[in-house]
């Protein structure tokens, strides 16, 4: 691919959309992990932190903060979709889903980083699928699937192109 083609792709509105959504996902993941680690390490004894009423695994604050994150990741993408066209819905959906998986992955990993604790075979993050033991380091299996899915969803989102029939609709929406 010629250098000018790569530069024009990086300057495209599609790539800027991906960059914006990704930045929000990264900020949300790191913030959520920091809050989660502080709550678990506090001495408050808040019953909502220990009452795992959702699937026997998640607490009230998991649900509330997840709703906030979903609203931000998908809300920003929804606004971006409105700026594209009705065809842009799939672009928005693929990019937003990829960034939601990125958020899940980063939030989980940064909790371990902030708490200075290594992954173990019995971590909560391993309960759905288990973990792979690589030389004494446990890697949750869902991390591998999420990483692959993120790149596939980003690729699908970035590969969506508008056709000439939707260009007029964009102009009608804008003014």
C-alpha atoms as a PDB file:
ATOM      1  CA  UNK A   1       0.000   0.000   0.000  1.00  0.00           C
ATOM      2  CA  UNK A   2       1.513   3.382  -0.971  1.00  0.00           C
ATOM      3  CA  UNK A   3       2.530   5.748   1.807  1.00  0.00           C
ATOM      4  CA  UNK A   4       0.063   8.447   0.705  1.00  0.00           C
ATOM      5  CA  UNK A   5      -2.795   5.917   0.777  1.00  0.00           C
ATOM      6  CA  UNK A   6      -1.910   4.945   4.367  1.00  0.00           C
ATOM      7  CA  UNK A   7      -1.757   8.596   5.446  1.00  0.00           C
ATOM      8  CA  UNK A   8      -5.123   9.358   3.817  1.00  0.00           C
ATOM      9  CA  UNK A   9      -6.659   6.320   5.550  1.00  0.00           C
ATOM     10  CA  UNK A  10      -5.335   7.521   8.926  1.00  0.00           C
ATOM     11  CA  UNK A  11      -6.823  10.969   8.280  1.00  0.00           C
ATOM     12  CA  UNK A  12     -10.219   9.541   7.276  1.00  0.00           C
ATOM     13  CA  UNK A  13     -13.334  10.165   9.331  1.00  0.00           C
ATOM     14  CA  UNK A  14     -13.645   6.407   9.873  1.00  0.00           C
ATOM     15  CA  UNK A  15     -10.252   6.213  11.538  1.00  0.00           C
ATOM     16  CA  UNK A  16     -10.956   9.345  13.610  1.00  0.00           C
ATOM     17  CA  UNK A  17     -14.209   7.738  14.769  1.00  0.00           C
ATOM     18  CA  UNK A  18     -12.349   4.584  15.787  1.00  0.00           C
ATOM     19  CA  UNK A  19      -9.712   6.651  17.572  1.00  0.00           C
ATOM     20  CA  UNK A  20     -12.349   8.634  19.482  1.00  0.00           C
ATOM     21  CA  UNK A  21     -14.315   5.560  20.530  1.00  0.00           C
ATOM     22  CA  UNK A  22     -11.122   3.744  21.517  1.00  0.00           C
ATOM     23  CA  UNK A  23      -9.928   6.668  23.640  1.00  0.00           C
ATOM     24  CA  UNK A  24     -13.221   6.676  25.552  1.00  0.00           C
ATOM     25  CA  UNK A  25     -13.066   2.892  26.058  1.00  0.00           C
ATOM     26  CA  UNK A  26      -9.487   3.093  27.411  1.00  0.00           C
ATOM     27  CA  UNK A  27     -10.301   5.954  29.812  1.00  0.00           C
ATOM     28  CA  UNK A  28     -13.426   4.182  31.063  1.00  0.00           C
ATOM     29  CA  UNK A  29     -11.608   0.868  31.578  1.00  0.00           C
ATOM     30  CA  UNK A  30      -8.770   2.370  33.591  1.00  0.00           C
ATOM     31  CA  UNK A  31     -11.149   4.503  35.686  1.00  0.00           C
ATOM     32  CA  UNK A  32     -13.474   1.579  36.395  1.00  0.00           C
ATOM     33  CA  UNK A  33     -10.550  -0.650  37.441  1.00  0.00           C
ATOM     34  CA  UNK A  34      -9.238   2.047  39.773  1.00  0.00           C
ATOM     35  CA  UNK A  35     -12.674   2.487  41.402  1.00  0.00           C
ATOM     36  CA  UNK A  36     -13.144  -1.281  41.677  1.00  0.00           C
ATOM     37  CA  UNK A  37      -9.766  -1.830  43.320  1.00  0.00           C
ATOM     38  CA  UNK A  38     -10.401   1.006  45.811  1.00  0.00           C
ATOM     39  CA  UNK A  39     -13.828  -0.376  46.710  1.00  0.00           C
ATOM     40  CA  UNK A  40     -12.573  -3.903  47.294  1.00  0.00           C
ATOM     41  CA  UNK A  41      -9.635  -2.721  49.359  1.00  0.00           C
ATOM     42  CA  UNK A  42     -11.687  -0.315  51.508  1.00  0.00           C
ATOM     43  CA  UNK A  43     -12.820  -1.126  55.028  1.00  0.00           C
ATOM     44  CA  UNK A  44     -16.306   0.276  54.502  1.00  0.00           C
ATOM     45  CA  UNK A  45     -17.993  -3.127  54.635  1.00  0.00           C
ATOM     46  CA  UNK A  46     -20.607  -1.919  52.190  1.00  0.00           C
ATOM     47  CA  UNK A  47     -23.050  -4.843  51.724  1.00  0.00           C
ATOM     48  CA  UNK A  48     -23.574  -3.935  48.072  1.00  0.00           C
ATOM     49  CA  UNK A  49     -19.948  -4.809  47.453  1.00  0.00           C
ATOM     50  CA  UNK A  50     -20.285  -8.316  48.859  1.00  0.00           C
ATOM     51  CA  UNK A  51     -23.878  -9.168  47.852  1.00  0.00           C
ATOM     52  CA  UNK A  52     -23.420 -10.886  44.503  1.00  0.00           C
ATOM     53  CA  UNK A  53     -27.038 -10.892  43.379  1.00  0.00           C
ATOM     54  CA  UNK A  54     -26.509 -10.886  39.573  1.00  0.00           C
ATOM     55  CA  UNK A  55     -25.629 -14.403  38.332  1.00  0.00           C
ATOM     56  CA  UNK A  56     -24.118 -15.050  41.785  1.00  0.00           C
ATOM     57  CA  UNK A  57     -21.052 -13.103  40.692  1.00  0.00           C
ATOM     58  CA  UNK A  58     -21.810  -9.393  40.181  1.00  0.00           C
ATOM     59  CA  UNK A  59     -22.779  -6.721  42.690  1.00  0.00           C
ATOM     60  CA  UNK A  60     -24.874  -3.562  42.473  1.00  0.00           C
ATOM     61  CA  UNK A  61     -21.937  -1.321  41.761  1.00  0.00           C
ATOM     62  CA  UNK A  62     -20.858  -3.595  38.877  1.00  0.00           C
ATOM     63  CA  UNK A  63     -24.299  -3.121  37.331  1.00  0.00           C
ATOM     64  CA  UNK A  64     -24.421   0.657  37.858  1.00  0.00           C
ATOM     65  CA  UNK A  65     -20.934   1.348  36.548  1.00  0.00           C
ATOM     66  CA  UNK A  66     -21.470  -0.998  33.604  1.00  0.00           C
ATOM     67  CA  UNK A  67     -24.610   0.902  32.631  1.00  0.00           C
ATOM     68  CA  UNK A  68     -22.560   4.111  32.718  1.00  0.00           C
ATOM     69  CA  UNK A  69     -19.886   2.593  30.505  1.00  0.00           C
ATOM     70  CA  UNK A  70     -22.403   1.137  28.045  1.00  0.00           C
ATOM     71  CA  UNK A  71     -24.092   4.519  27.775  1.00  0.00           C
ATOM     72  CA  UNK A  72     -20.812   6.272  27.093  1.00  0.00           C
ATOM     73  CA  UNK A  73     -19.354   3.794  24.605  1.00  0.00           C
ATOM     74  CA  UNK A  74     -22.562   3.177  22.672  1.00  0.00           C
ATOM     75  CA  UNK A  75     -23.876   6.743  23.173  1.00  0.00           C
ATOM     76  CA  UNK A  76     -20.857   8.351  21.568  1.00  0.00           C
ATOM     77  CA  UNK A  77     -21.021   5.814  18.763  1.00  0.00           C
ATOM     78  CA  UNK A  78     -24.714   6.540  18.292  1.00  0.00           C
ATOM     79  CA  UNK A  79     -23.931  10.225  17.807  1.00  0.00           C
ATOM     80  CA  UNK A  80     -21.236   9.269  15.319  1.00  0.00           C
ATOM     81  CA  UNK A  81     -23.758   7.059  13.509  1.00  0.00           C
ATOM     82  CA  UNK A  82     -26.113  10.012  13.189  1.00  0.00           C
ATOM     83  CA  UNK A  83     -23.326  11.987  11.543  1.00  0.00           C
ATOM     84  CA  UNK A  84     -22.763   9.267   8.938  1.00  0.00           C
ATOM     85  CA  UNK A  85     -26.006   7.819   7.584  1.00  0.00           C
ATOM     86  CA  UNK A  86     -28.349   4.907   8.026  1.00  0.00           C
ATOM     87  CA  UNK A  87     -25.710   2.732   6.297  1.00  0.00           C
ATOM     88  CA  UNK A  88     -23.253   3.925   8.938  1.00  0.00           C
ATOM     89  CA  UNK A  89     -25.206   2.029  11.591  1.00  0.00           C
ATOM     90  CA  UNK A  90     -23.207  -1.149  10.993  1.00  0.00           C
ATOM     91  CA  UNK A  91     -19.957   0.803  11.111  1.00  0.00           C
ATOM     92  CA  UNK A  92     -21.017   2.263  14.458  1.00  0.00           C
ATOM     93  CA  UNK A  93     -22.169  -1.091  15.801  1.00  0.00           C
ATOM     94  CA  UNK A  94     -18.993  -2.990  14.858  1.00  0.00           C
ATOM     95  CA  UNK A  95     -16.681  -0.249  16.194  1.00  0.00           C
ATOM     96  CA  UNK A  96     -18.703   0.177  19.403  1.00  0.00           C
ATOM     97  CA  UNK A  97     -18.836  -3.584  20.067  1.00  0.00           C
ATOM     98  CA  UNK A  98     -15.085  -3.834  19.499  1.00  0.00           C
ATOM     99  CA  UNK A  99     -14.485  -1.001  21.920  1.00  0.00           C
ATOM    100  CA  UNK A 100     -16.855  -2.497  24.482  1.00  0.00           C
ATOM    101  CA  UNK A 101     -14.800  -5.702  24.414  1.00  0.00           C
ATOM    102  CA  UNK A 102     -11.648  -3.576  24.706  1.00  0.00           C
ATOM    103  CA  UNK A 103     -13.155  -1.903  27.764  1.00  0.00           C
ATOM    104  CA  UNK A 104     -13.996  -5.258  29.384  1.00  0.00           C
ATOM    105  CA  UNK A 105     -10.473  -6.536  28.745  1.00  0.00           C
ATOM    106  CA  UNK A 106      -8.644  -3.390  29.946  1.00  0.00           C
ATOM    107  CA  UNK A 107     -10.858  -2.875  32.992  1.00  0.00           C
ATOM    108  CA  UNK A 108     -10.208  -6.416  34.127  1.00  0.00           C
ATOM    109  CA  UNK A 109      -6.454  -6.313  33.527  1.00  0.00           C
ATOM    110  CA  UNK A 110      -5.936  -2.877  35.088  1.00  0.00           C
ATOM    111  CA  UNK A 111      -7.646  -4.084  38.271  1.00  0.00           C
ATOM    112  CA  UNK A 112      -4.813  -6.590  38.629  1.00  0.00           C
ATOM    113  CA  UNK A 113      -2.219  -3.949  37.782  1.00  0.00           C
ATOM    114  CA  UNK A 114      -3.590  -1.437  40.327  1.00  0.00           C
ATOM    115  CA  UNK A 115      -3.919  -4.059  43.065  1.00  0.00           C
ATOM    116  CA  UNK A 116      -0.392  -5.432  42.423  1.00  0.00           C
ATOM    117  CA  UNK A 117      -1.708  -8.985  42.331  1.00  0.00           C
ATOM    118  CA  UNK A 118      -0.854 -11.561  39.679  1.00  0.00           C
ATOM    119  CA  UNK A 119      -3.489 -13.673  37.968  1.00  0.00           C
ATOM    120  CA  UNK A 120      -4.184 -17.014  39.644  1.00  0.00           C
ATOM    121  CA  UNK A 121      -6.105 -20.064  38.488  1.00  0.00           C
ATOM    122  CA  UNK A 122      -9.034 -19.203  40.793  1.00  0.00           C
ATOM    123  CA  UNK A 123      -9.520 -15.511  39.886  1.00  0.00           C
ATOM    124  CA  UNK A 124     -13.064 -14.292  39.244  1.00  0.00           C
ATOM    125  CA  UNK A 125     -12.043 -13.424  35.699  1.00  0.00           C
ATOM    126  CA  UNK A 126     -11.504 -17.121  34.983  1.00  0.00           C
ATOM    127  CA  UNK A 127     -14.874 -18.385  36.172  1.00  0.00           C
ATOM    128  CA  UNK A 128     -16.616 -18.456  32.787  1.00  0.00           C
ATOM    129  CA  UNK A 129     -13.930 -20.131  30.622  1.00  0.00           C
ATOM    130  CA  UNK A 130     -10.850 -20.837  32.728  1.00  0.00           C
ATOM    131  CA  UNK A 131      -7.240 -19.778  32.185  1.00  0.00           C
ATOM    132  CA  UNK A 132      -4.157 -20.906  30.296  1.00  0.00           C
ATOM    133  CA  UNK A 133      -1.035 -21.476  32.394  1.00  0.00           C
ATOM    134  CA  UNK A 134       2.055 -20.191  30.575  1.00  0.00           C
ATOM    135  CA  UNK A 135       5.170 -20.755  32.687  1.00  0.00           C
ATOM    136  CA  UNK A 136       3.330 -19.994  35.920  1.00  0.00           C
ATOM    137  CA  UNK A 137       1.448 -16.990  34.512  1.00  0.00           C
ATOM    138  CA  UNK A 138      -2.292 -17.444  34.158  1.00  0.00           C
ATOM    139  CA  UNK A 139      -3.957 -15.831  31.159  1.00  0.00           C
ATOM    140  CA  UNK A 140      -7.768 -15.897  31.136  1.00  0.00           C
ATOM    141  CA  UNK A 141      -9.025 -17.682  28.029  1.00  0.00           C
ATOM    142  CA  UNK A 142     -11.574 -14.965  27.393  1.00  0.00           C
ATOM    143  CA  UNK A 143      -8.685 -12.455  26.995  1.00  0.00           C
ATOM    144  CA  UNK A 144      -7.545 -14.373  23.913  1.00  0.00           C
ATOM    145  CA  UNK A 145     -11.031 -14.527  22.413  1.00  0.00           C
ATOM    146  CA  UNK A 146     -11.692 -10.881  23.237  1.00  0.00           C
ATOM    147  CA  UNK A 147      -8.452  -9.729  21.622  1.00  0.00           C
ATOM    148  CA  UNK A 148      -9.227 -11.576  18.396  1.00  0.00           C
ATOM    149  CA  UNK A 149     -12.838 -10.341  18.430  1.00  0.00           C
ATOM    150  CA  UNK A 150     -11.765  -6.728  18.980  1.00  0.00           C
ATOM    151  CA  UNK A 151      -9.589  -6.709  15.869  1.00  0.00           C
ATOM    152  CA  UNK A 152     -12.221  -8.537  13.787  1.00  0.00           C
ATOM    153  CA  UNK A 153     -14.932  -6.065  14.830  1.00  0.00           C
ATOM    154  CA  UNK A 154     -12.654  -3.080  14.179  1.00  0.00           C
ATOM    155  CA  UNK A 155     -11.772  -4.495  10.757  1.00  0.00           C
ATOM    156  CA  UNK A 156     -15.449  -5.012   9.900  1.00  0.00           C
ATOM    157  CA  UNK A 157     -16.320  -1.507  11.079  1.00  0.00           C
ATOM    158  CA  UNK A 158     -13.504   0.146   9.170  1.00  0.00           C
ATOM    159  CA  UNK A 159     -14.264  -1.846   6.018  1.00  0.00           C
ATOM    160  CA  UNK A 160     -17.870  -0.587   5.822  1.00  0.00           C
ATOM    161  CA  UNK A 161     -18.195   1.841   2.928  1.00  0.00           C
ATOM    162  CA  UNK A 162     -21.051   4.114   1.938  1.00  0.00           C
ATOM    163  CA  UNK A 163     -22.545   3.857  -1.503  1.00  0.00           C
ATOM    164  CA  UNK A 164     -23.731   6.760  -3.633  1.00  0.00           C
ATOM    165  CA  UNK A 165     -27.391   6.218  -2.658  1.00  0.00           C
ATOM    166  CA  UNK A 166     -26.704   7.142   0.977  1.00  0.00           C
ATOM    167  CA  UNK A 167     -24.740  10.318   0.302  1.00  0.00           C
ATOM    168  CA  UNK A 168     -27.927  12.341  -0.311  1.00  0.00           C
ATOM    169  CA  UNK A 169     -29.334  11.144   2.996  1.00  0.00           C
ATOM    170  CA  UNK A 170     -26.303  12.501   4.816  1.00  0.00           C
ATOM    171  CA  UNK A 171     -26.901  15.930   3.310  1.00  0.00           C
ATOM    172  CA  UNK A 172     -30.578  15.822   4.341  1.00  0.00           C
ATOM    173  CA  UNK A 173     -29.621  14.984   7.924  1.00  0.00           C
ATOM    174  CA  UNK A 174     -27.051  17.764   8.100  1.00  0.00           C
ATOM    175  CA  UNK A 175     -29.155  20.515   6.831  1.00  0.00           C
END
